[in-house]
Protein backbone atom coordinates (compact mmCIF):
# COMPACT_ATOMS: atom_id res chain seq x y z
CA MET A 1 73.17 -73.98 -19.54
CA GLY A 2 72.04 -73.80 -15.91
CA TYR A 3 70.85 -70.69 -14.07
CA PRO A 4 71.45 -70.26 -10.34
CA VAL A 5 68.49 -69.36 -8.18
CA GLY A 6 69.66 -65.77 -7.70
CA LYS A 7 69.86 -65.24 -11.46
CA VAL A 8 66.40 -66.73 -11.98
CA ALA A 9 65.00 -64.47 -9.26
CA ALA A 10 66.51 -61.42 -10.96
CA LEU A 11 65.23 -62.45 -14.40
CA SER A 12 61.70 -63.27 -13.25
CA GLY A 13 61.16 -60.57 -10.65
CA VAL A 14 60.25 -63.02 -7.89
CA THR A 15 62.18 -63.52 -4.69
CA VAL A 16 64.58 -66.37 -4.00
CA ARG A 17 62.31 -67.32 -1.11
CA THR A 18 59.38 -67.70 -3.53
CA LEU A 19 61.44 -69.95 -5.80
CA HIS A 20 62.41 -72.07 -2.81
CA HIS A 21 58.72 -72.33 -1.89
CA TYR A 22 57.78 -73.40 -5.42
CA ASP A 23 60.46 -76.08 -5.19
CA GLU A 24 59.21 -77.29 -1.81
CA ILE A 25 55.62 -77.72 -3.02
CA GLY A 26 56.68 -79.30 -6.30
CA LEU A 27 55.37 -76.49 -8.48
CA LEU A 28 58.76 -75.65 -9.94
CA SER A 29 61.72 -77.82 -9.04
CA PRO A 30 65.07 -77.08 -10.71
CA SER A 31 66.27 -79.70 -13.14
CA GLY A 32 69.77 -79.82 -11.77
CA ARG A 33 72.20 -79.01 -9.04
CA THR A 34 75.64 -77.47 -9.17
CA ALA A 35 78.72 -79.31 -7.96
CA ALA A 36 78.29 -77.47 -4.69
CA GLY A 37 74.68 -78.67 -4.41
CA TYR A 38 72.93 -75.41 -5.31
CA ARG A 39 69.76 -75.26 -7.40
CA SER A 40 70.30 -74.93 -11.15
CA TYR A 41 67.43 -74.05 -13.51
CA SER A 42 67.30 -75.03 -17.17
CA ASP A 43 65.66 -73.19 -20.06
CA ASP A 44 62.67 -75.55 -19.73
CA ASP A 45 62.44 -74.65 -16.04
CA LEU A 46 62.35 -70.96 -16.95
CA GLU A 47 59.60 -71.62 -19.48
CA ARG A 48 57.58 -73.40 -16.80
CA LEU A 49 58.20 -70.51 -14.41
CA GLN A 50 56.88 -68.11 -17.03
CA ARG A 51 53.66 -70.11 -17.22
CA VAL A 52 53.36 -70.25 -13.43
CA LEU A 53 53.80 -66.49 -13.12
CA PHE A 54 51.35 -65.81 -15.93
CA TYR A 55 48.58 -67.83 -14.30
CA ARG A 56 49.43 -66.37 -10.89
CA GLU A 57 49.07 -62.87 -12.33
CA LEU A 58 45.57 -63.80 -13.50
CA GLY A 59 44.66 -64.73 -9.95
CA PHE A 60 44.85 -68.53 -10.12
CA GLY A 61 45.72 -70.36 -6.89
CA LEU A 62 48.91 -72.38 -6.76
CA ASP A 63 47.03 -75.70 -6.63
CA THR A 64 45.13 -74.78 -9.79
CA ILE A 65 48.30 -73.55 -11.48
CA ALA A 66 50.01 -76.88 -10.77
CA LYS A 67 47.16 -78.77 -12.44
CA VAL A 68 47.21 -76.47 -15.48
CA VAL A 69 50.96 -76.49 -16.11
CA ASP A 70 51.11 -80.26 -15.57
CA ASP A 71 48.20 -80.97 -17.92
CA PRO A 72 49.64 -83.47 -20.43
CA SER A 73 47.13 -82.40 -23.07
CA LEU A 74 48.68 -78.91 -23.27
CA ASP A 75 51.97 -78.52 -25.11
CA ALA A 76 53.90 -75.25 -25.31
CA LEU A 77 51.78 -73.97 -28.21
CA GLU A 78 48.53 -74.84 -26.47
CA HIS A 79 49.71 -73.03 -23.37
CA LEU A 80 50.33 -69.93 -25.47
CA ARG A 81 46.89 -70.17 -27.04
CA ARG A 82 45.33 -70.59 -23.61
CA GLN A 83 47.26 -67.59 -22.35
CA ARG A 84 46.11 -65.51 -25.30
CA THR A 85 42.48 -66.43 -24.59
CA LEU A 86 42.85 -65.55 -20.91
CA LEU A 87 44.56 -62.27 -21.76
CA VAL A 88 41.75 -61.29 -24.13
CA GLU A 89 39.25 -62.07 -21.35
CA ARG A 90 41.26 -60.02 -18.87
CA ILE A 91 41.45 -57.11 -21.33
CA GLY A 92 37.65 -57.24 -21.55
CA GLU A 93 37.36 -57.27 -17.75
CA LEU A 94 39.77 -54.37 -17.38
CA THR A 95 37.98 -52.42 -20.11
CA ARG A 96 34.69 -52.85 -18.27
CA MET A 97 36.36 -51.78 -15.03
CA VAL A 98 37.73 -48.65 -16.71
CA GLU A 99 34.29 -47.85 -18.11
CA SER A 100 32.75 -48.34 -14.67
CA VAL A 101 35.30 -46.02 -13.07
CA GLU A 102 34.70 -43.44 -15.79
CA ARG A 103 30.97 -43.57 -15.07
CA VAL A 104 31.64 -43.01 -11.38
CA ILE A 105 33.85 -40.06 -12.28
CA THR A 106 31.09 -38.67 -14.48
CA ALA A 107 28.54 -39.15 -11.69
CA LYS A 108 30.83 -37.36 -9.27
CA GLU A 109 31.46 -34.55 -11.76
CA VAL A 110 27.75 -34.13 -12.38
CA GLY A 111 27.20 -33.94 -8.66
CA SER A 112 29.83 -31.24 -8.36
CA VAL A 113 28.64 -29.07 -11.27
CA LEU A 114 26.86 -26.98 -8.65
CA THR A 115 28.89 -25.30 -5.96
CA PRO A 116 28.02 -26.24 -2.36
CA GLU A 117 26.19 -22.91 -2.06
CA GLU A 118 24.21 -23.56 -5.23
CA ARG A 119 23.37 -27.11 -4.14
CA PHE A 120 21.95 -25.77 -0.89
CA GLU A 121 20.04 -23.10 -2.80
CA VAL A 122 18.53 -25.68 -5.17
CA PHE A 123 18.05 -28.71 -2.89
CA GLY A 124 18.06 -27.19 0.57
CA GLY A 125 19.39 -29.63 3.15
CA PHE A 126 18.81 -32.70 0.99
CA ARG A 127 21.93 -34.76 0.24
CA GLU A 128 22.25 -38.13 -1.40
CA PRO A 129 23.57 -40.85 0.96
CA GLU A 130 27.32 -41.36 1.14
CA GLY A 131 28.47 -43.79 -1.54
CA TYR A 132 25.18 -43.65 -3.44
CA ALA A 133 26.80 -42.59 -6.72
CA GLU A 134 29.10 -45.62 -6.71
CA GLU A 135 26.24 -47.97 -5.87
CA ALA A 136 24.04 -46.48 -8.59
CA VAL A 137 26.80 -46.89 -11.16
CA ARG A 138 27.22 -50.52 -10.13
CA ARG A 139 23.50 -51.19 -10.59
CA TRP A 140 22.64 -49.13 -13.64
CA GLY A 141 25.84 -47.59 -15.02
CA GLU A 142 25.84 -49.63 -18.23
CA THR A 143 22.29 -48.65 -19.19
CA PRO A 144 21.68 -45.90 -21.75
CA GLN A 145 19.15 -44.35 -19.36
CA TRP A 146 21.83 -43.84 -16.69
CA GLN A 147 24.27 -42.41 -19.20
CA ALA A 148 21.65 -39.97 -20.46
CA ALA A 149 20.79 -38.90 -16.90
CA ALA A 150 24.49 -38.37 -16.14
CA VAL A 151 24.82 -35.55 -18.69
CA PRO A 152 25.89 -32.38 -16.80
CA ARG A 153 23.14 -29.82 -16.28
CA SER A 154 23.28 -26.15 -15.47
CA LYS A 155 22.04 -24.57 -12.27
CA ASP A 156 18.98 -23.20 -14.09
CA GLU A 157 18.10 -26.68 -15.36
CA TRP A 158 18.38 -28.12 -11.83
CA VAL A 159 16.24 -25.29 -10.46
CA GLU A 160 13.52 -25.99 -13.02
CA ALA A 161 13.69 -29.73 -12.37
CA GLU A 162 13.43 -29.21 -8.62
CA LYS A 163 10.46 -26.87 -9.05
CA ALA A 164 8.73 -29.48 -11.20
CA ARG A 165 9.41 -32.18 -8.59
CA GLU A 166 8.07 -30.04 -5.74
CA ASP A 167 4.94 -29.14 -7.70
CA TRP A 168 4.35 -32.80 -8.60
CA VAL A 169 4.78 -33.90 -4.99
CA ARG A 170 2.38 -31.20 -3.77
CA ARG A 171 -0.31 -32.37 -6.17
CA LEU A 172 0.35 -36.03 -5.35
CA LEU A 173 -0.10 -35.40 -1.64
CA ASP A 174 -3.35 -33.54 -2.34
CA VAL A 175 -4.64 -36.63 -4.14
CA VAL A 176 -3.44 -38.98 -1.40
CA ASP A 177 -4.92 -36.82 1.37
CA SER A 178 -8.23 -36.65 -0.49
CA GLY A 179 -8.59 -40.40 -0.05
CA ALA A 180 -8.56 -41.15 -3.79
CA PRO A 181 -7.32 -44.69 -4.50
CA ALA A 182 -4.11 -45.36 -6.38
CA ASP A 183 -6.06 -46.47 -9.45
CA SER A 184 -8.09 -43.26 -9.61
CA VAL A 185 -7.79 -41.13 -12.72
CA ALA A 186 -6.08 -38.35 -10.76
CA ALA A 187 -3.45 -40.74 -9.36
CA MET A 188 -2.86 -42.42 -12.72
CA ASP A 189 -2.50 -39.04 -14.43
CA LEU A 190 0.16 -38.06 -11.91
CA ALA A 191 1.90 -41.39 -12.50
CA GLU A 192 1.98 -40.69 -16.23
CA GLU A 193 3.33 -37.21 -15.58
CA HIS A 194 6.05 -38.75 -13.43
CA ARG A 195 6.97 -41.17 -16.21
CA LEU A 196 7.40 -38.28 -18.62
CA MET A 197 9.49 -36.39 -16.07
CA LEU A 198 11.82 -39.37 -15.83
CA ALA A 199 11.96 -39.68 -19.61
CA ALA A 200 13.08 -36.05 -19.85
CA PHE A 201 16.14 -36.98 -17.80
CA MET A 202 16.71 -40.56 -18.92
CA GLY A 203 15.93 -40.22 -22.60
CA ASP A 204 13.56 -43.18 -22.40
CA CYS A 205 11.19 -44.49 -19.75
CA GLY A 206 8.65 -46.92 -21.08
CA HIS A 207 5.84 -48.24 -18.93
CA GLU A 208 7.67 -51.45 -18.06
CA MET A 209 10.73 -49.53 -16.93
CA HIS A 210 8.46 -47.17 -15.01
CA ARG A 211 7.00 -50.16 -13.18
CA GLY A 212 10.50 -51.17 -12.12
CA VAL A 213 11.34 -47.69 -10.86
CA ALA A 214 8.08 -47.52 -8.92
CA ARG A 215 8.76 -50.85 -7.22
CA MET A 216 11.87 -49.30 -5.71
CA TYR A 217 9.80 -46.49 -4.19
CA ALA A 218 7.94 -49.15 -2.23
CA THR A 219 10.99 -51.17 -1.16
CA GLU A 220 13.94 -48.76 -1.02
CA PRO A 221 13.49 -45.68 1.19
CA VAL A 222 16.53 -44.03 -0.42
CA GLN A 223 14.83 -44.06 -3.81
CA LEU A 224 11.59 -42.68 -2.41
CA GLY A 225 13.59 -39.92 -0.70
CA PHE A 226 14.89 -38.68 -4.04
CA LEU A 227 11.32 -38.18 -5.23
CA VAL A 228 9.53 -37.20 -2.02
CA ARG A 229 11.63 -35.65 0.71
CA GLU A 230 11.24 -37.27 4.12
CA PRO A 231 9.25 -34.44 5.76
CA ASP A 232 6.60 -34.78 3.03
CA GLN A 233 6.29 -38.56 3.17
CA ARG A 234 3.20 -40.37 4.41
CA PRO A 235 2.91 -43.96 5.66
CA GLY A 236 2.47 -46.22 2.65
CA LEU A 237 3.33 -43.47 0.16
CA GLY A 238 5.85 -45.62 -1.71
CA GLU A 239 3.29 -48.35 -2.17
CA TYR A 240 0.70 -45.79 -3.31
CA ILE A 241 3.03 -44.44 -6.00
CA ARG A 242 3.90 -47.97 -7.11
CA ASP A 243 0.24 -48.95 -7.38
CA ALA A 244 -0.60 -45.75 -9.28
CA VAL A 245 2.21 -46.44 -11.75
CA HIS A 246 1.04 -50.02 -12.27
CA ALA A 247 -2.53 -48.85 -12.75
CA ASN A 248 -1.37 -46.28 -15.29
CA ALA A 249 0.63 -48.88 -17.20
CA ASP A 250 -2.39 -51.19 -17.18
CA ARG A 251 -4.52 -48.30 -18.46
CA ALA A 252 -2.06 -47.92 -21.36
CA GLY A 253 -2.13 -51.66 -22.01
CA LYS A 254 1.56 -51.97 -21.18
């Protein structure tokens, strides 16, 4: 039984123009012609079209699809097994994408727990950069520390956390302005206090992780801005904090 091109287009959901293109490039040429010279597709042609459309849906280019469907080592059963494997991989990819989107939603929801008025009351004019939540999720969203930090907190909790940050920064700047080096006891004690502050939010912040966080203070101004607001920053402050954290970790033998 032969199927005209219009019928095949309706069955497959692709346009007649697409089927003509597949014929022209040799990807899917109909097995027969009608008496009037029109394209006529067999059941085998439809099975090949199903394979072509499957691989196209997975994002394969037409050149790659042609090589796959023409591979003599793959019979119909092997094609099905290959498709099953690819589908399982795609399900995994989609699942990870859904989880990533959910983490972004959570991050956005956490950011909106406070009303705009409350955010100004707690943080003043400080705002995270546009798109930061999405970037943070991309970098750290799968870590348990990020997920712990993303737990919604009340206004009172944010107020207490902000007070603790401001007090810590004030004492840090006193140490810096006194001329004490980053490996001084006072600086290392502040570094340890900072590590424990992070652990209260993240659930875990070992010395090695703390080293990694501190490196960002020296290389990423955005990260330093979350800890020390720009008006309070000093030249080289990020490097000072990093060095104090490293010295503290060395002191702990970590």
